[in-house]
Structure formats: C-alpha cells, structure tokens
Amino acid sequence: MDDEQTAALTAAVTIEDDLAFDGLRVTRDDDGYRFELPDLERVALDEAELRRVAGANDEHVSNWYFWHDVAPTEGSARFDFLRFLERVADHDAPTETRGHGGDATHGTTYEPDDVLARYDALERGVERQWGELAVTVELADDGYRRYEVRHVDDADADPDDLDAHREVRDARDIAKFDADDRYRPLKTAPTLVDGWRFPELTSAEVIAVVETIYPATIANWHREREGTLDVDHWEPAMARQSGIYGVVQTWNRGEGTEHVERVAEACCADSECLKRREWQYDEDTPLQADGGAGAFPCREPCSMVVSAARQWTKVEGEDARTYEFELTPSEKEQIEAIIDRVADGEASDVREADFGDDANRWRVRYLREKRMDDDGNLCGVPTNRDE
C-alpha cells in the first residue's frame, strides 16, 4: 500500500461522513479517528496514528481504495460484475459483534466479506466462467487487480501455447468467426474459437473484452439481480413484427403454445445458445421447454429466433399430406439418425472411413443414389400430386 491510498483514506473520512466497506470502518469525531476491523478497534487516533494503523492493515485499506478509486461506481453493473468475478460472496465470515465502545456484545453477525481470506485466494488466482470465457483475477502489488481472459477449453493450457492479445479490439475479431471460419451471427452461440488469451488486463479492460465478446450480458445479468430485468415475452414481441416478419403474427394459434414450445426447444437450448431463456409465451403462460442454465439471461426472442420463426410460419401454414415411401428398416433408421446428427451439430464430425455411422457421407450418398430420382424426389414420390 502506498501513501496515496492512506491519504485517500484520511481524506474520505470527515465528522459528517463515515467510511464503511467490506468489514473496514473508519469514523471521525471530536476525539479523533476510530479505525475498526472485525477483530480490531483503535480509537482517538490523530492523523499520523491513523496512517500507521492503516499501513499495518494494508489489505483492508488497499481493498477499499481499489473498489472506490479504481473500480467503476459502486452499485453499477460493472462494479457488481467485478465483485462477482472476484467471488466476494464466497468469502462471508462470521465475526464477533462489537458495540460502539469496543465491548463485545452477545451473538454473531456476518461481515459482508472476509478480506484476508479473499486476498489469500487472489494471490493464487480466482477463476470464473462466463459463457465460454474463463476469467482469472489476481492481486497486483499495489492492491489493484489484474485479469486474464481465455477460452474455457484453454483454462489449463500453457500460456505460451496461446496467442496473446494486448488490444481489447482484438476481441471483436476473435468472436466474429468459428473454428471453421464461418461467421457467427449469434454471439452467444457456444462456437467461440479457442487458442487465445488476454493477459494483464485492468478492471476497465476486462469488462471491455467481456462486453465485446458477449454484448449486453453484464447489463442484463445485473438487471436480473436487481429485479429490474424487462422481459419481453413471445406474444407481445411477435405482435410488433412488421414487413417480411409480420407473417409470424399469422401463425396458427389452434395449437395453443405448442408451436412456441417447438421454437424454444429448437433454438434456446444450451447446445445452441449460452443465454438462459427468461421469456415465455406471454406474461401469464410459461413454456415447458427448458430455458437453459446460462449465467446471463435472455430477455426477449432474438433476431435469429424471429427469422427462424418466420420460415417455420410458412411451413406450418401448409396442409399435411400423406406420402408413401418404400424403405428398408435400416434405411428408415438411417434417415432418422441423419436428422438427429444434423440437429445436434454432429454431422461434420463423422470420419470419412467410419462406415458404421449412419451419417457417414458415403453412406448418405449411397442412400441418395438408391432412393432419390434425378429430380431429387425421395423414392420417386413427387411433393405435389400433379407433378
């Protein structure tokens, strides 16, 4: 702890204003300063004595200084997110309650945080997962924090094996494409590429990296914690669609919420999106589909869901027909397996020589050669009867 921090502590305490934070309390009255910790109390201190006591308890003072002169404004989304990363709530500690005169009173209370235990953890490094990000917080020599962000799959990787990035703006390029160089239209899809890290970040920089990779997730996470998350449910969201998306409003409502259940199951599972769906059919009608287990909430149907629903609206508007196909039992099971593998995003993982896999490309090509005619009709059966 340096003189700047003790000077800031002294200046922050006046006769009118107390200082109380994370178990540290400093007050001032006509007799001088009072310096209190859960297990320590010093009274009637002059300024020089206050500085000496503060210097002897530098963890508590540097902790206060970081959270009030370095970190974002207390109570803001970014402030609370940094506290979340540091696992402040994991270090609650029972302490003896003391009265104003320093005499112990009966009973035990809980301080908001055991700073010494938390600092000990920070010396080793504290890790949090945020989507596919692994964020590590460590204690710097001046009591500040230093952060590192990397892909969760690289949590245990040797730093020298990862590409180190020094510029926050690099996060935008990292989040743009997946491992196959395909554009990622949904930033919260679990397709973030690995092999990189952002070391030695400040508190402002770690927030900027996280917000670049996962826009608005910190703000919505904080609103949910504060009870102010403004959820926009399916029905009112679809009612506002216009233009080419207005067709979604005409979806057949005879099935009740069944069509929306299918949308939620298809689009909003953990395998497709890292957000936790909080929107329902409407305010009074919850969906049965699992909303996921993500750390940050989804407050409304996203543009990807709306676009997909527009296409499904057209399909659902068609009348069902009966078709007759001739398939062997194995071919029927193969088609079912292909649908499953594609829906689960596993079709591209099939090895070319694995002919026991129903989604093997040569097996699929053989099935097409056998069962589809030159016009692409399955078993030669046209889609429309008049073809």
Protein backbone atom coordinates (compact mmCIF):
# COMPACT_ATOMS: atom_id res chain seq x y z
CA MET A 1 0.00 0.00 0.00
CA ASP A 2 1.36 3.44 -0.92
CA ASP A 3 0.96 6.89 0.64
CA GLU A 4 -1.67 7.78 -1.97
CA GLN A 5 -4.02 5.15 -0.57
CA THR A 6 -3.60 6.20 3.08
CA ALA A 7 -4.00 9.84 2.09
CA ALA A 8 -7.20 8.99 0.22
CA LEU A 9 -8.49 7.09 3.26
CA THR A 10 -7.83 10.05 5.56
CA ALA A 11 -9.44 12.49 3.15
CA ALA A 12 -12.53 10.30 2.74
CA VAL A 13 -13.39 10.47 6.46
CA THR A 14 -14.93 13.60 7.93
CA ILE A 15 -17.03 14.28 11.00
CA GLU A 16 -20.12 14.14 8.77
CA ASP A 17 -19.19 11.06 6.73
CA ASP A 18 -18.14 7.61 7.94
CA LEU A 19 -16.27 5.09 5.84
CA ALA A 20 -17.55 1.52 5.96
CA PHE A 21 -16.74 -1.17 3.42
CA ASP A 22 -16.01 -4.93 3.47
CA GLY A 23 -15.51 -5.07 7.25
CA LEU A 24 -13.44 -1.86 7.43
CA ARG A 25 -14.94 1.11 9.25
CA VAL A 26 -13.26 4.45 9.83
CA THR A 27 -15.04 7.30 11.61
CA ARG A 28 -14.07 10.71 12.94
CA ASP A 29 -15.37 12.73 15.87
CA ASP A 30 -14.05 15.42 18.18
CA ASP A 31 -11.72 12.90 19.88
CA GLY A 32 -10.06 11.90 16.60
CA TYR A 33 -10.29 8.92 14.26
CA ARG A 34 -11.69 5.46 15.01
CA PHE A 35 -10.32 2.53 12.95
CA GLU A 36 -12.28 -0.73 13.13
CA LEU A 37 -11.96 -4.20 11.64
CA PRO A 38 -13.86 -7.35 12.63
CA ASP A 39 -11.09 -8.25 15.10
CA LEU A 40 -9.51 -4.83 15.77
CA GLU A 41 -10.50 -1.45 17.12
CA ARG A 42 -8.38 1.67 17.62
CA VAL A 43 -9.89 4.91 18.91
CA ALA A 44 -8.90 8.56 19.47
CA LEU A 45 -6.25 8.46 16.73
CA ASP A 46 -4.65 11.54 15.25
CA GLU A 47 -3.92 11.60 11.51
CA ALA A 48 -0.38 10.23 11.86
CA GLU A 49 -1.60 7.39 14.07
CA LEU A 50 -4.41 6.61 11.65
CA ARG A 51 -1.88 6.33 8.84
CA ARG A 52 0.27 3.94 10.89
CA VAL A 53 -2.70 1.73 11.77
CA ALA A 54 -3.90 1.79 8.18
CA GLY A 55 -0.43 0.81 6.96
CA ALA A 56 -0.39 -2.14 9.34
CA ASN A 57 -3.71 -3.34 7.88
CA ASP A 58 -2.94 -2.60 4.27
CA GLU A 59 -5.12 -5.39 2.80
CA HIS A 60 -8.32 -3.77 4.06
CA VAL A 61 -7.23 -0.28 3.06
CA SER A 62 -5.99 -1.25 -0.41
CA ASN A 63 -9.21 -3.23 -0.91
CA TRP A 64 -11.27 -0.15 -0.08
CA TYR A 65 -9.09 2.01 -2.31
CA PHE A 66 -9.41 -0.31 -5.31
CA TRP A 67 -13.18 -0.55 -5.08
CA HIS A 68 -13.69 3.19 -4.60
CA ASP A 69 -10.95 4.90 -6.60
CA VAL A 70 -10.18 2.37 -9.36
CA ALA A 71 -13.24 0.17 -9.98
CA PRO A 72 -16.45 1.54 -11.55
CA THR A 73 -19.07 3.32 -9.44
CA GLU A 74 -20.36 1.21 -6.55
CA GLY A 75 -23.71 -0.41 -7.28
CA SER A 76 -23.28 -0.24 -11.06
CA ALA A 77 -23.47 -3.31 -13.29
CA ARG A 78 -19.73 -3.22 -13.93
CA PHE A 79 -18.88 -2.83 -10.24
CA ASP A 80 -21.05 -5.80 -9.28
CA PHE A 81 -19.65 -7.87 -12.15
CA LEU A 82 -16.08 -7.31 -10.94
CA ARG A 83 -17.19 -8.36 -7.44
CA PHE A 84 -18.77 -11.44 -9.00
CA LEU A 85 -15.53 -12.30 -10.81
CA GLU A 86 -13.64 -11.99 -7.53
CA ARG A 87 -16.13 -14.26 -5.75
CA VAL A 88 -16.69 -11.74 -2.96
CA ALA A 89 -19.83 -13.55 -1.82
CA ASP A 90 -17.82 -16.77 -1.36
CA HIS A 91 -15.83 -15.22 1.49
CA ASP A 92 -18.52 -14.35 4.02
CA ALA A 93 -17.07 -14.83 7.52
CA PRO A 94 -18.72 -14.94 10.96
CA THR A 95 -17.31 -12.31 13.31
CA GLU A 96 -17.90 -11.15 16.86
CA THR A 97 -20.20 -8.15 17.05
CA ARG A 98 -18.80 -5.17 18.92
CA GLY A 99 -20.62 -2.22 20.40
CA HIS A 100 -19.67 1.41 19.94
CA GLY A 101 -17.28 1.38 22.90
CA GLY A 102 -15.47 -1.71 21.76
CA ASP A 103 -17.18 -4.06 24.20
CA ALA A 104 -18.22 -7.39 22.74
CA THR A 105 -21.98 -7.86 22.53
CA HIS A 106 -23.85 -11.15 22.53
CA GLY A 107 -24.36 -13.10 19.33
CA THR A 108 -22.58 -13.47 16.00
CA THR A 109 -23.10 -11.48 12.84
CA TYR A 110 -21.71 -11.91 9.32
CA GLU A 111 -19.47 -9.35 7.76
CA PRO A 112 -20.07 -8.86 4.04
CA ASP A 113 -16.67 -10.28 3.24
CA ASP A 114 -13.52 -11.72 4.80
CA VAL A 115 -10.91 -9.59 3.05
CA LEU A 116 -7.90 -11.57 4.27
CA ALA A 117 -9.32 -14.87 3.02
CA ARG A 118 -10.21 -13.27 -0.30
CA TYR A 119 -6.76 -11.73 -0.70
CA ASP A 120 -5.22 -15.11 0.01
CA ALA A 121 -7.35 -16.61 -2.77
CA LEU A 122 -6.43 -13.73 -5.11
CA GLU A 123 -2.74 -14.43 -4.55
CA ARG A 124 -3.36 -17.87 -6.06
CA GLY A 125 -5.80 -16.61 -8.68
CA VAL A 126 -9.60 -16.71 -8.67
CA GLU A 127 -11.38 -18.06 -11.74
CA ARG A 128 -14.91 -17.51 -13.01
CA GLN A 129 -16.66 -18.88 -16.09
CA TRP A 130 -18.79 -16.56 -18.19
CA GLY A 131 -20.27 -18.39 -21.15
CA GLU A 132 -17.24 -19.88 -22.89
CA LEU A 133 -14.87 -17.43 -21.19
CA ALA A 134 -12.57 -18.31 -18.29
CA VAL A 135 -11.73 -15.11 -16.40
CA THR A 136 -8.95 -15.20 -13.82
CA VAL A 137 -8.43 -12.45 -11.22
CA GLU A 138 -5.11 -11.99 -9.44
CA LEU A 139 -3.83 -9.47 -6.91
CA ALA A 140 -1.29 -6.92 -8.12
CA ASP A 141 1.46 -5.48 -5.90
CA ASP A 142 -0.37 -2.18 -5.40
CA GLY A 143 -3.61 -3.85 -4.30
CA TYR A 144 -5.12 -3.42 -7.76
CA ARG A 145 -6.37 -6.43 -9.69
CA ARG A 146 -5.06 -7.95 -12.87
CA TYR A 147 -7.29 -10.07 -15.06
CA GLU A 148 -6.81 -12.66 -17.76
CA VAL A 149 -9.45 -13.86 -20.23
CA ARG A 150 -9.16 -17.02 -22.30
CA HIS A 151 -11.46 -19.70 -23.72
CA VAL A 152 -12.72 -22.09 -21.05
CA ASP A 153 -11.32 -25.01 -23.05
CA ASP A 154 -7.88 -23.44 -22.59
CA ALA A 155 -8.25 -22.93 -18.84
CA ASP A 156 -5.36 -25.30 -18.07
CA ALA A 157 -3.31 -24.63 -21.20
CA ASP A 158 0.28 -23.38 -21.04
CA PRO A 159 0.14 -19.61 -21.67
CA ASP A 160 2.96 -19.94 -24.21
CA ASP A 161 0.73 -22.21 -26.31
CA LEU A 162 -1.92 -19.49 -26.69
CA ASP A 163 -1.90 -16.36 -28.85
CA ALA A 164 -1.54 -13.38 -26.50
CA HIS A 165 -3.57 -10.29 -27.38
CA ARG A 166 -2.84 -6.86 -25.93
CA GLU A 167 -5.53 -4.82 -27.67
CA VAL A 168 -9.14 -5.05 -26.47
CA ARG A 169 -10.39 -4.52 -30.01
CA ASP A 170 -8.91 -7.91 -30.96
CA ALA A 171 -11.81 -9.49 -29.09
CA ARG A 172 -14.14 -8.39 -31.87
CA ASP A 173 -12.18 -10.38 -34.47
CA ILE A 174 -11.92 -13.42 -32.18
CA ALA A 175 -15.71 -13.51 -31.74
CA LYS A 176 -16.51 -13.00 -35.42
CA PHE A 177 -15.84 -16.49 -36.83
CA ASP A 178 -15.98 -20.05 -35.51
CA ALA A 179 -13.27 -22.70 -35.75
CA ASP A 180 -14.29 -23.43 -39.37
CA ASP A 181 -14.09 -19.72 -40.31
CA ARG A 182 -17.88 -19.45 -40.55
CA TYR A 183 -19.43 -16.15 -39.48
CA ARG A 184 -21.10 -16.29 -36.05
CA PRO A 185 -24.41 -14.37 -36.36
CA LEU A 186 -25.36 -15.32 -32.78
CA LYS A 187 -22.65 -14.02 -30.45
CA THR A 188 -23.86 -16.18 -27.55
CA ALA A 189 -23.70 -19.43 -29.54
CA PRO A 190 -21.31 -21.99 -27.98
CA THR A 191 -18.99 -21.75 -31.00
CA LEU A 192 -16.35 -19.32 -29.76
CA VAL A 193 -12.94 -20.23 -31.16
CA ASP A 194 -10.18 -21.13 -28.69
CA GLY A 195 -6.38 -20.76 -28.69
CA TRP A 196 -6.02 -17.18 -27.43
CA ARG A 197 -5.72 -15.17 -24.21
CA PHE A 198 -5.85 -11.57 -23.00
CA PRO A 199 -3.30 -11.26 -20.15
CA GLU A 200 -2.63 -8.46 -17.68
CA LEU A 201 -5.96 -6.65 -18.15
CA THR A 202 -7.11 -3.78 -15.96
CA SER A 203 -10.60 -3.72 -14.47
CA ALA A 204 -11.81 -1.50 -17.31
CA GLU A 205 -10.19 -3.68 -19.96
CA VAL A 206 -11.61 -6.99 -18.71
CA ILE A 207 -15.11 -5.54 -18.82
CA ALA A 208 -14.49 -4.25 -22.35
CA VAL A 209 -13.30 -7.70 -23.53
CA VAL A 210 -16.30 -9.49 -21.99
CA GLU A 211 -18.78 -6.96 -23.36
CA THR A 212 -17.23 -7.19 -26.82
CA ILE A 213 -17.49 -10.98 -26.94
CA TYR A 214 -20.90 -11.13 -25.21
CA PRO A 215 -22.69 -7.80 -25.74
CA ALA A 216 -25.24 -6.66 -23.11
CA THR A 217 -24.80 -9.79 -20.97
CA ILE A 218 -23.33 -7.92 -18.00
CA ALA A 219 -26.10 -5.30 -18.04
CA ASN A 220 -28.90 -7.88 -18.28
CA TRP A 221 -27.28 -10.07 -15.61
CA HIS A 222 -27.20 -7.07 -13.30
CA ARG A 223 -30.79 -6.05 -14.07
CA GLU A 224 -31.91 -9.57 -13.21
CA ARG A 225 -30.04 -9.44 -9.89
CA GLU A 226 -31.63 -6.07 -9.13
CA GLY A 227 -35.11 -7.29 -10.09
CA THR A 228 -35.39 -4.80 -12.96
CA LEU A 229 -34.95 -7.08 -15.99
CA ASP A 230 -37.60 -6.05 -18.51
CA VAL A 231 -38.59 -9.36 -20.09
CA ASP A 232 -40.32 -9.13 -23.48
CA HIS A 233 -42.38 -12.29 -23.98
CA TRP A 234 -43.17 -14.05 -27.27
CA GLU A 235 -46.70 -12.75 -27.84
CA PRO A 236 -46.03 -9.02 -27.42
CA ALA A 237 -42.71 -9.35 -29.26
CA MET A 238 -44.37 -11.03 -32.27
CA ALA A 239 -47.24 -8.54 -32.24
CA ARG A 240 -44.76 -5.78 -33.06
CA GLN A 241 -43.28 -7.55 -36.09
CA SER A 242 -43.89 -5.85 -39.42
CA GLY A 243 -42.79 -6.10 -43.04
CA ILE A 244 -41.48 -9.52 -44.01
CA TYR A 245 -41.55 -10.59 -40.36
CA GLY A 246 -45.21 -9.69 -39.91
CA VAL A 247 -46.15 -13.14 -41.20
CA VAL A 248 -45.16 -14.55 -37.80
CA GLN A 249 -48.32 -12.98 -36.36
CA THR A 250 -50.45 -15.25 -38.60
CA TRP A 251 -49.08 -18.45 -37.07
CA ASN A 252 -51.84 -20.98 -36.49
CA ARG A 253 -52.91 -20.46 -32.88
CA GLY A 254 -55.08 -23.57 -32.82
CA GLU A 255 -52.25 -25.47 -31.16
CA GLY A 256 -52.04 -23.01 -28.26
CA THR A 257 -48.42 -22.63 -27.20
CA GLU A 258 -47.26 -25.83 -28.87
CA HIS A 259 -45.61 -24.06 -31.82
CA VAL A 260 -43.68 -21.74 -29.49
CA GLU A 261 -42.61 -24.73 -27.40
CA ARG A 262 -41.03 -26.19 -30.53
CA VAL A 263 -39.27 -22.90 -31.27
CA ALA A 264 -37.85 -22.74 -27.75
CA GLU A 265 -36.73 -26.37 -27.82
CA ALA A 266 -35.06 -25.93 -31.21
CA CYS A 267 -33.35 -22.58 -30.67
CA CYS A 268 -32.93 -21.86 -26.97
CA ALA A 269 -31.20 -25.00 -25.63
CA ASP A 270 -27.75 -24.80 -24.05
CA SER A 271 -26.33 -26.54 -27.13
CA GLU A 272 -27.45 -23.61 -29.29
CA CYS A 273 -27.21 -20.53 -27.06
CA LEU A 274 -25.43 -19.76 -23.80
CA LYS A 275 -28.15 -17.41 -22.57
CA ARG A 276 -30.78 -18.60 -20.11
CA ARG A 277 -34.21 -18.01 -21.65
CA GLU A 278 -36.45 -15.96 -19.38
CA TRP A 279 -39.14 -15.02 -21.92
CA GLN A 280 -42.30 -17.15 -22.03
CA TYR A 281 -45.33 -17.36 -24.31
CA ASP A 282 -46.79 -14.38 -22.50
CA GLU A 283 -46.72 -12.96 -19.00
CA ASP A 284 -49.30 -15.46 -17.76
CA THR A 285 -48.33 -18.52 -19.81
CA PRO A 286 -44.98 -20.17 -19.08
CA LEU A 287 -43.37 -22.54 -21.55
CA GLN A 288 -42.48 -26.09 -20.57
CA ALA A 289 -39.29 -26.07 -22.66
CA ASP A 290 -36.11 -25.92 -20.60
CA GLY A 291 -34.74 -22.38 -20.55
CA GLY A 292 -31.10 -23.43 -20.19
CA ALA A 293 -28.51 -22.95 -17.46
CA GLY A 294 -26.55 -19.93 -18.67
CA ALA A 295 -25.11 -17.33 -16.30
CA PHE A 296 -26.77 -14.47 -18.14
CA PRO A 297 -30.48 -14.15 -19.02
CA CYS A 298 -32.22 -13.82 -22.38
CA ARG A 299 -34.92 -11.19 -22.03
CA GLU A 300 -36.62 -11.48 -25.44
CA PRO A 301 -36.79 -13.60 -28.60
CA CYS A 302 -33.66 -12.60 -30.51
CA SER A 303 -33.47 -11.71 -34.20
CA MET A 304 -32.25 -15.23 -35.03
CA VAL A 305 -35.33 -16.76 -33.37
CA VAL A 306 -37.64 -14.32 -35.14
CA SER A 307 -36.05 -15.08 -38.52
CA ALA A 308 -36.34 -18.83 -37.95
CA ALA A 309 -39.95 -18.46 -36.78
CA ARG A 310 -40.79 -16.56 -39.96
CA GLN A 311 -39.66 -19.55 -42.03
CA TRP A 312 -41.47 -22.03 -39.81
CA THR A 313 -44.65 -19.96 -40.00
CA LYS A 314 -44.75 -20.56 -43.75
CA VAL A 315 -44.13 -24.29 -43.29
CA GLU A 316 -46.74 -24.64 -40.55
CA GLY A 317 -49.28 -22.92 -42.76
CA GLU A 318 -49.24 -25.83 -45.20
CA ASP A 319 -51.79 -28.63 -45.02
CA ALA A 320 -50.37 -32.04 -44.10
CA ARG A 321 -50.32 -34.72 -46.78
CA THR A 322 -49.77 -38.47 -46.74
CA TYR A 323 -46.82 -39.83 -48.68
CA GLU A 324 -45.86 -43.45 -49.20
CA PHE A 325 -42.19 -44.40 -49.39
CA GLU A 326 -40.56 -47.78 -49.74
CA LEU A 327 -37.54 -48.12 -47.43
CA THR A 328 -35.78 -50.96 -45.72
CA PRO A 329 -35.84 -50.83 -41.89
CA SER A 330 -32.16 -49.88 -41.90
CA GLU A 331 -32.77 -47.06 -44.36
CA LYS A 332 -35.60 -45.67 -42.24
CA GLU A 333 -33.33 -45.74 -39.17
CA GLN A 334 -30.53 -44.15 -41.17
CA ILE A 335 -32.71 -41.21 -42.18
CA GLU A 336 -33.77 -40.75 -38.56
CA ALA A 337 -30.14 -40.85 -37.44
CA ILE A 338 -29.13 -38.31 -40.08
CA ILE A 339 -31.78 -35.89 -38.82
CA ASP A 340 -30.56 -36.33 -35.25
CA ARG A 341 -26.90 -35.86 -36.16
CA VAL A 342 -27.57 -32.70 -38.18
CA ALA A 343 -29.87 -31.27 -35.48
CA ASP A 344 -27.21 -31.87 -32.83
CA GLY A 345 -24.47 -30.36 -34.96
CA GLU A 346 -22.56 -33.64 -35.15
CA ALA A 347 -22.74 -34.44 -38.87
CA SER A 348 -19.44 -32.69 -39.63
CA ASP A 349 -17.64 -34.80 -37.03
CA VAL A 350 -18.20 -38.10 -38.86
CA ARG A 351 -14.96 -39.63 -40.13
CA GLU A 352 -14.90 -40.47 -43.83
CA ALA A 353 -13.87 -44.08 -43.17
CA ASP A 354 -16.42 -44.68 -40.40
CA PHE A 355 -18.97 -46.58 -42.47
CA GLY A 356 -20.75 -47.79 -39.35
CA ASP A 357 -22.02 -44.25 -38.76
CA ASP A 358 -25.41 -43.57 -40.35
CA ALA A 359 -24.34 -40.01 -41.19
CA ASN A 360 -21.16 -41.09 -42.98
CA ARG A 361 -21.02 -39.10 -46.22
CA TRP A 362 -20.50 -42.09 -48.49
CA ARG A 363 -23.39 -43.94 -46.82
CA VAL A 364 -25.64 -40.90 -47.31
CA ARG A 365 -24.54 -40.58 -50.93
CA TYR A 366 -25.32 -44.29 -51.47
CA LEU A 367 -28.78 -43.81 -49.95
CA ARG A 368 -29.38 -40.84 -52.23
CA GLU A 369 -28.23 -42.81 -55.25
CA LYS A 370 -30.60 -45.65 -54.39
CA ARG A 371 -33.69 -43.84 -53.15
CA MET A 372 -33.83 -40.44 -54.89
CA ASP A 373 -34.64 -39.89 -58.57
CA ASP A 374 -32.99 -37.40 -60.91
CA ASP A 375 -35.42 -34.70 -59.76
CA GLY A 376 -34.49 -35.16 -56.12
CA ASN A 377 -37.71 -36.89 -55.09
CA LEU A 378 -37.42 -39.41 -52.26
CA CYS A 379 -38.32 -42.85 -53.65
CA GLY A 380 -39.50 -41.11 -56.80
CA VAL A 381 -42.53 -39.68 -54.97
CA PRO A 382 -43.23 -36.06 -56.05
CA THR A 383 -44.04 -33.46 -53.41
CA ASN A 384 -47.14 -32.29 -55.31
CA ARG A 385 -49.58 -34.83 -56.71
CA ASP A 386 -49.92 -33.03 -60.05
CA GLU A 387 -46.18 -33.22 -60.80
